[in-house]
């Protein structure tokens, strides 16, 4: 049964000013990333939202890529997808998972609309079951669209949400113009 968010029609809310979204994907393991992508793209395509997929090797690169992509000022929202299994080296993989989420949070909490679907489990089999049972990719897409909509409604700004205006890429919040 689709959730209320899955039924929301953001395209009407965005009118003719459809946001462009960066979908940043840690492609390993591919069977999991493919499921996350399917859910994400399903929502974006149904809403006629413009997006670009950017592939990385693993989840540890996601925060760095997020910051580089934000700095490019080409996108209004960011979706991060990935997974990690803890079966081979639990201490290392749990540290990587926690640091990845912490770093993404530090960046997105600066005011960048971000949806995240990074899942972890004790084994690759569990990861697959989780990705097939839950549509985390769709949830991440809905989250970013909701945040863009909220930001536009609160500020009236329709492009380049965050602290880095397109007109002056070196200006930060609070700086004199």
C-alpha atoms as a PDB file:
ATOM      1  CA  UNK A   1       0.000   0.000   0.000  1.00  0.00           C
ATOM      2  CA  UNK A   2       1.585   3.330  -1.047  1.00  0.00           C
ATOM      3  CA  UNK A   3       2.242   5.838   1.705  1.00  0.00           C
ATOM      4  CA  UNK A   4       0.843   9.353   1.697  1.00  0.00           C
ATOM      5  CA  UNK A   5       4.217  10.695   0.550  1.00  0.00           C
ATOM      6  CA  UNK A   6       4.331   8.331  -2.426  1.00  0.00           C
ATOM      7  CA  UNK A   7       0.985   9.778  -3.557  1.00  0.00           C
ATOM      8  CA  UNK A   8       2.040  13.420  -3.196  1.00  0.00           C
ATOM      9  CA  UNK A   9       2.367  15.241  -6.499  1.00  0.00           C
ATOM     10  CA  UNK A  10       5.372  17.529  -6.093  1.00  0.00           C
ATOM     11  CA  UNK A  11       5.399  18.503  -9.765  1.00  0.00           C
ATOM     12  CA  UNK A  12       2.252  20.625  -9.242  1.00  0.00           C
ATOM     13  CA  UNK A  13       3.930  22.315  -6.307  1.00  0.00           C
ATOM     14  CA  UNK A  14       7.107  23.066  -8.272  1.00  0.00           C
ATOM     15  CA  UNK A  15       5.110  24.423 -11.244  1.00  0.00           C
ATOM     16  CA  UNK A  16       7.510  25.161 -14.081  1.00  0.00           C
ATOM     17  CA  UNK A  17      10.562  25.370 -11.808  1.00  0.00           C
ATOM     18  CA  UNK A  18      11.421  21.682 -11.422  1.00  0.00           C
ATOM     19  CA  UNK A  19      14.493  21.095  -9.237  1.00  0.00           C
ATOM     20  CA  UNK A  20      17.543  19.215 -10.489  1.00  0.00           C
ATOM     21  CA  UNK A  21      18.654  16.407  -8.190  1.00  0.00           C
ATOM     22  CA  UNK A  22      22.040  14.680  -7.869  1.00  0.00           C
ATOM     23  CA  UNK A  23      21.627  10.973  -7.125  1.00  0.00           C
ATOM     24  CA  UNK A  24      24.955   9.873  -5.635  1.00  0.00           C
ATOM     25  CA  UNK A  25      25.330   6.107  -5.557  1.00  0.00           C
ATOM     26  CA  UNK A  26      27.849   3.824  -3.872  1.00  0.00           C
ATOM     27  CA  UNK A  27      27.637   1.031  -6.429  1.00  0.00           C
ATOM     28  CA  UNK A  28      29.121  -1.786  -4.326  1.00  0.00           C
ATOM     29  CA  UNK A  29      27.393  -4.186  -3.818  1.00  0.00           C
ATOM     30  CA  UNK A  30      25.542  -3.610  -7.077  1.00  0.00           C
ATOM     31  CA  UNK A  31      22.570  -5.862  -6.350  1.00  0.00           C
ATOM     32  CA  UNK A  32      21.671  -3.629  -3.388  1.00  0.00           C
ATOM     33  CA  UNK A  33      22.419  -0.325  -5.107  1.00  0.00           C
ATOM     34  CA  UNK A  34      20.262  -1.406  -8.060  1.00  0.00           C
ATOM     35  CA  UNK A  35      17.274  -1.863  -5.711  1.00  0.00           C
ATOM     36  CA  UNK A  36      17.867   1.508  -4.042  1.00  0.00           C
ATOM     37  CA  UNK A  37      18.188   3.206  -7.437  1.00  0.00           C
ATOM     38  CA  UNK A  38      14.985   1.585  -8.674  1.00  0.00           C
ATOM     39  CA  UNK A  39      12.970   3.082  -5.804  1.00  0.00           C
ATOM     40  CA  UNK A  40      14.596   6.494  -6.097  1.00  0.00           C
ATOM     41  CA  UNK A  41      14.258   6.788  -9.854  1.00  0.00           C
ATOM     42  CA  UNK A  42      10.683   5.509  -9.678  1.00  0.00           C
ATOM     43  CA  UNK A  43       9.679   8.503  -7.546  1.00  0.00           C
ATOM     44  CA  UNK A  44      11.738  11.047  -9.513  1.00  0.00           C
ATOM     45  CA  UNK A  45      10.479   9.810 -12.890  1.00  0.00           C
ATOM     46  CA  UNK A  46       6.853   9.738 -11.710  1.00  0.00           C
ATOM     47  CA  UNK A  47       7.212  13.372 -10.615  1.00  0.00           C
ATOM     48  CA  UNK A  48       9.093  14.360 -13.800  1.00  0.00           C
ATOM     49  CA  UNK A  49      12.027  15.571 -11.689  1.00  0.00           C
ATOM     50  CA  UNK A  50      15.355  16.160 -13.446  1.00  0.00           C
ATOM     51  CA  UNK A  51      18.260  14.141 -12.027  1.00  0.00           C
ATOM     52  CA  UNK A  52      21.753  12.904 -12.737  1.00  0.00           C
ATOM     53  CA  UNK A  53      23.166   9.636 -11.382  1.00  0.00           C
ATOM     54  CA  UNK A  54      26.743   9.804 -10.098  1.00  0.00           C
ATOM     55  CA  UNK A  55      28.429   6.493  -9.257  1.00  0.00           C
ATOM     56  CA  UNK A  56      31.142   5.908  -6.642  1.00  0.00           C
ATOM     57  CA  UNK A  57      32.880   2.730  -5.557  1.00  0.00           C
ATOM     58  CA  UNK A  58      31.819   2.639  -1.887  1.00  0.00           C
ATOM     59  CA  UNK A  59      29.951   4.497   0.853  1.00  0.00           C
ATOM     60  CA  UNK A  60      33.020   6.149   2.381  1.00  0.00           C
ATOM     61  CA  UNK A  61      33.295   8.363  -0.720  1.00  0.00           C
ATOM     62  CA  UNK A  62      29.687   9.609  -0.415  1.00  0.00           C
ATOM     63  CA  UNK A  63      30.313  12.595   1.918  1.00  0.00           C
ATOM     64  CA  UNK A  64      33.273  13.838  -0.115  1.00  0.00           C
ATOM     65  CA  UNK A  65      31.290  13.529  -3.341  1.00  0.00           C
ATOM     66  CA  UNK A  66      28.324  15.285  -1.706  1.00  0.00           C
ATOM     67  CA  UNK A  67      30.471  18.273  -0.768  1.00  0.00           C
ATOM     68  CA  UNK A  68      32.095  18.452  -4.223  1.00  0.00           C
ATOM     69  CA  UNK A  69      28.701  18.277  -5.926  1.00  0.00           C
ATOM     70  CA  UNK A  70      27.233  20.940  -3.623  1.00  0.00           C
ATOM     71  CA  UNK A  71      30.199  23.175  -4.444  1.00  0.00           C
ATOM     72  CA  UNK A  72      29.408  22.822  -8.155  1.00  0.00           C
ATOM     73  CA  UNK A  73      26.095  24.701  -7.588  1.00  0.00           C
ATOM     74  CA  UNK A  74      24.430  22.592 -10.294  1.00  0.00           C
ATOM     75  CA  UNK A  75      21.807  20.850  -8.148  1.00  0.00           C
ATOM     76  CA  UNK A  76      19.098  21.841  -5.720  1.00  0.00           C
ATOM     77  CA  UNK A  77      18.845  18.525  -3.892  1.00  0.00           C
ATOM     78  CA  UNK A  78      20.964  15.469  -3.185  1.00  0.00           C
ATOM     79  CA  UNK A  79      20.095  11.802  -2.739  1.00  0.00           C
ATOM     80  CA  UNK A  80      22.734   9.432  -1.357  1.00  0.00           C
ATOM     81  CA  UNK A  81      22.359   5.678  -1.808  1.00  0.00           C
ATOM     82  CA  UNK A  82      24.527   2.845  -0.570  1.00  0.00           C
ATOM     83  CA  UNK A  83      24.948  -0.172   1.649  1.00  0.00           C
ATOM     84  CA  UNK A  84      27.523  -2.047   3.680  1.00  0.00           C
ATOM     85  CA  UNK A  85      27.674  -5.544   5.122  1.00  0.00           C
ATOM     86  CA  UNK A  86      29.373  -6.263   8.444  1.00  0.00           C
ATOM     87  CA  UNK A  87      30.176  -9.930   7.830  1.00  0.00           C
ATOM     88  CA  UNK A  88      33.860  -9.732   6.765  1.00  0.00           C
ATOM     89  CA  UNK A  89      35.236  -7.124   9.172  1.00  0.00           C
ATOM     90  CA  UNK A  90      32.501  -5.935  11.549  1.00  0.00           C
ATOM     91  CA  UNK A  91      34.544  -3.329  13.428  1.00  0.00           C
ATOM     92  CA  UNK A  92      35.835  -1.674  10.253  1.00  0.00           C
ATOM     93  CA  UNK A  93      32.517  -1.761   8.380  1.00  0.00           C
ATOM     94  CA  UNK A  94      30.527  -0.386  11.323  1.00  0.00           C
ATOM     95  CA  UNK A  95      33.054   2.434  11.702  1.00  0.00           C
ATOM     96  CA  UNK A  96      32.823   3.211   7.977  1.00  0.00           C
ATOM     97  CA  UNK A  97      29.016   3.193   8.155  1.00  0.00           C
ATOM     98  CA  UNK A  98      28.886   5.470  11.224  1.00  0.00           C
ATOM     99  CA  UNK A  99      31.477   7.910   9.885  1.00  0.00           C
ATOM    100  CA  UNK A 100      29.749   8.080   6.507  1.00  0.00           C
ATOM    101  CA  UNK A 101      26.403   8.949   8.092  1.00  0.00           C
ATOM    102  CA  UNK A 102      27.992  11.427  10.508  1.00  0.00           C
ATOM    103  CA  UNK A 103      29.848  13.193   7.698  1.00  0.00           C
ATOM    104  CA  UNK A 104      26.764  13.360   5.483  1.00  0.00           C
ATOM    105  CA  UNK A 105      24.790  14.746   8.418  1.00  0.00           C
ATOM    106  CA  UNK A 106      27.403  17.412   9.082  1.00  0.00           C
ATOM    107  CA  UNK A 107      27.171  18.571   5.475  1.00  0.00           C
ATOM    108  CA  UNK A 108      23.413  18.344   4.967  1.00  0.00           C
ATOM    109  CA  UNK A 109      22.692  20.028   8.310  1.00  0.00           C
ATOM    110  CA  UNK A 110      24.168  23.212   6.847  1.00  0.00           C
ATOM    111  CA  UNK A 111      20.928  23.637   4.907  1.00  0.00           C
ATOM    112  CA  UNK A 112      21.235  21.351   1.892  1.00  0.00           C
ATOM    113  CA  UNK A 113      18.144  19.287   0.998  1.00  0.00           C
ATOM    114  CA  UNK A 114      19.385  15.724   1.295  1.00  0.00           C
ATOM    115  CA  UNK A 115      17.706  12.330   1.221  1.00  0.00           C
ATOM    116  CA  UNK A 116      19.741   9.364   2.392  1.00  0.00           C
ATOM    117  CA  UNK A 117      19.244   5.625   1.959  1.00  0.00           C
ATOM    118  CA  UNK A 118      22.366   3.930   3.255  1.00  0.00           C
ATOM    119  CA  UNK A 119      21.576   0.558   4.732  1.00  0.00           C
ATOM    120  CA  UNK A 120      23.709  -1.820   6.783  1.00  0.00           C
ATOM    121  CA  UNK A 121      23.272  -5.404   7.888  1.00  0.00           C
ATOM    122  CA  UNK A 122      25.259  -8.286   9.296  1.00  0.00           C
ATOM    123  CA  UNK A 123      25.405 -10.109   5.945  1.00  0.00           C
ATOM    124  CA  UNK A 124      24.934  -9.585   2.216  1.00  0.00           C
ATOM    125  CA  UNK A 125      21.879 -11.841   2.380  1.00  0.00           C
ATOM    126  CA  UNK A 126      20.291  -9.585   5.020  1.00  0.00           C
ATOM    127  CA  UNK A 127      21.128  -6.509   2.937  1.00  0.00           C
ATOM    128  CA  UNK A 128      19.347  -8.031  -0.028  1.00  0.00           C
ATOM    129  CA  UNK A 129      16.289  -8.931   2.055  1.00  0.00           C
ATOM    130  CA  UNK A 130      16.139  -5.414   3.524  1.00  0.00           C
ATOM    131  CA  UNK A 131      16.492  -3.742   0.130  1.00  0.00           C
ATOM    132  CA  UNK A 132      13.792  -5.922  -1.433  1.00  0.00           C
ATOM    133  CA  UNK A 133      11.349  -5.576   1.471  1.00  0.00           C
ATOM    134  CA  UNK A 134      11.683  -1.829   2.107  1.00  0.00           C
ATOM    135  CA  UNK A 135      11.661   0.929  -0.471  1.00  0.00           C
ATOM    136  CA  UNK A 136      14.359   3.092   1.111  1.00  0.00           C
ATOM    137  CA  UNK A 137      15.295   4.616  -2.259  1.00  0.00           C
ATOM    138  CA  UNK A 138      11.766   5.983  -2.658  1.00  0.00           C
ATOM    139  CA  UNK A 139      11.841   7.291   0.912  1.00  0.00           C
ATOM    140  CA  UNK A 140      15.102   9.164   0.197  1.00  0.00           C
ATOM    141  CA  UNK A 141      13.632  10.687  -2.975  1.00  0.00           C
ATOM    142  CA  UNK A 142      10.500  11.779  -1.133  1.00  0.00           C
ATOM    143  CA  UNK A 143      12.591  13.264   1.680  1.00  0.00           C
ATOM    144  CA  UNK A 144      14.637  15.457  -0.639  1.00  0.00           C
ATOM    145  CA  UNK A 145      11.569  16.633  -2.564  1.00  0.00           C
ATOM    146  CA  UNK A 146       9.823  17.444   0.692  1.00  0.00           C
ATOM    147  CA  UNK A 147      12.837  19.440   1.934  1.00  0.00           C
ATOM    148  CA  UNK A 148      13.130  21.378  -1.334  1.00  0.00           C
ATOM    149  CA  UNK A 149       9.408  22.156  -1.185  1.00  0.00           C
ATOM    150  CA  UNK A 150       9.657  23.239   2.451  1.00  0.00           C
ATOM    151  CA  UNK A 151      12.655  25.454   1.770  1.00  0.00           C
ATOM    152  CA  UNK A 152      10.979  27.094  -1.213  1.00  0.00           C
ATOM    153  CA  UNK A 153       7.810  27.715   0.784  1.00  0.00           C
ATOM    154  CA  UNK A 154       9.714  29.228   3.706  1.00  0.00           C
ATOM    155  CA  UNK A 155      12.177  31.370   1.768  1.00  0.00           C
ATOM    156  CA  UNK A 156      10.678  31.963  -1.635  1.00  0.00           C
ATOM    157  CA  UNK A 157      14.075  30.990  -3.083  1.00  0.00           C
ATOM    158  CA  UNK A 158      13.724  28.516  -5.913  1.00  0.00           C
ATOM    159  CA  UNK A 159      17.327  27.859  -6.899  1.00  0.00           C
ATOM    160  CA  UNK A 160      20.522  26.910  -5.113  1.00  0.00           C
ATOM    161  CA  UNK A 161      19.122  26.283  -1.660  1.00  0.00           C
ATOM    162  CA  UNK A 162      21.823  26.311   1.003  1.00  0.00           C
ATOM    163  CA  UNK A 163      24.637  28.613   1.999  1.00  0.00           C
ATOM    164  CA  UNK A 164      26.359  28.973  -1.338  1.00  0.00           C
ATOM    165  CA  UNK A 165      24.531  31.295  -3.734  1.00  0.00           C
ATOM    166  CA  UNK A 166      25.059  30.685  -7.436  1.00  0.00           C
ATOM    167  CA  UNK A 167      25.806  34.371  -8.061  1.00  0.00           C
ATOM    168  CA  UNK A 168      28.816  34.412  -5.715  1.00  0.00           C
ATOM    169  CA  UNK A 169      30.258  30.946  -5.040  1.00  0.00           C
ATOM    170  CA  UNK A 170      32.679  32.277  -2.409  1.00  0.00           C
ATOM    171  CA  UNK A 171      30.128  34.069  -0.246  1.00  0.00           C
ATOM    172  CA  UNK A 172      29.011  32.354   2.962  1.00  0.00           C
ATOM    173  CA  UNK A 173      26.113  33.057   5.278  1.00  0.00           C
ATOM    174  CA  UNK A 174      26.608  36.268   7.224  1.00  0.00           C
ATOM    175  CA  UNK A 175      29.243  37.754   4.905  1.00  0.00           C
ATOM    176  CA  UNK A 176      28.777  41.299   3.647  1.00  0.00           C
ATOM    177  CA  UNK A 177      28.065  41.471  -0.054  1.00  0.00           C
END
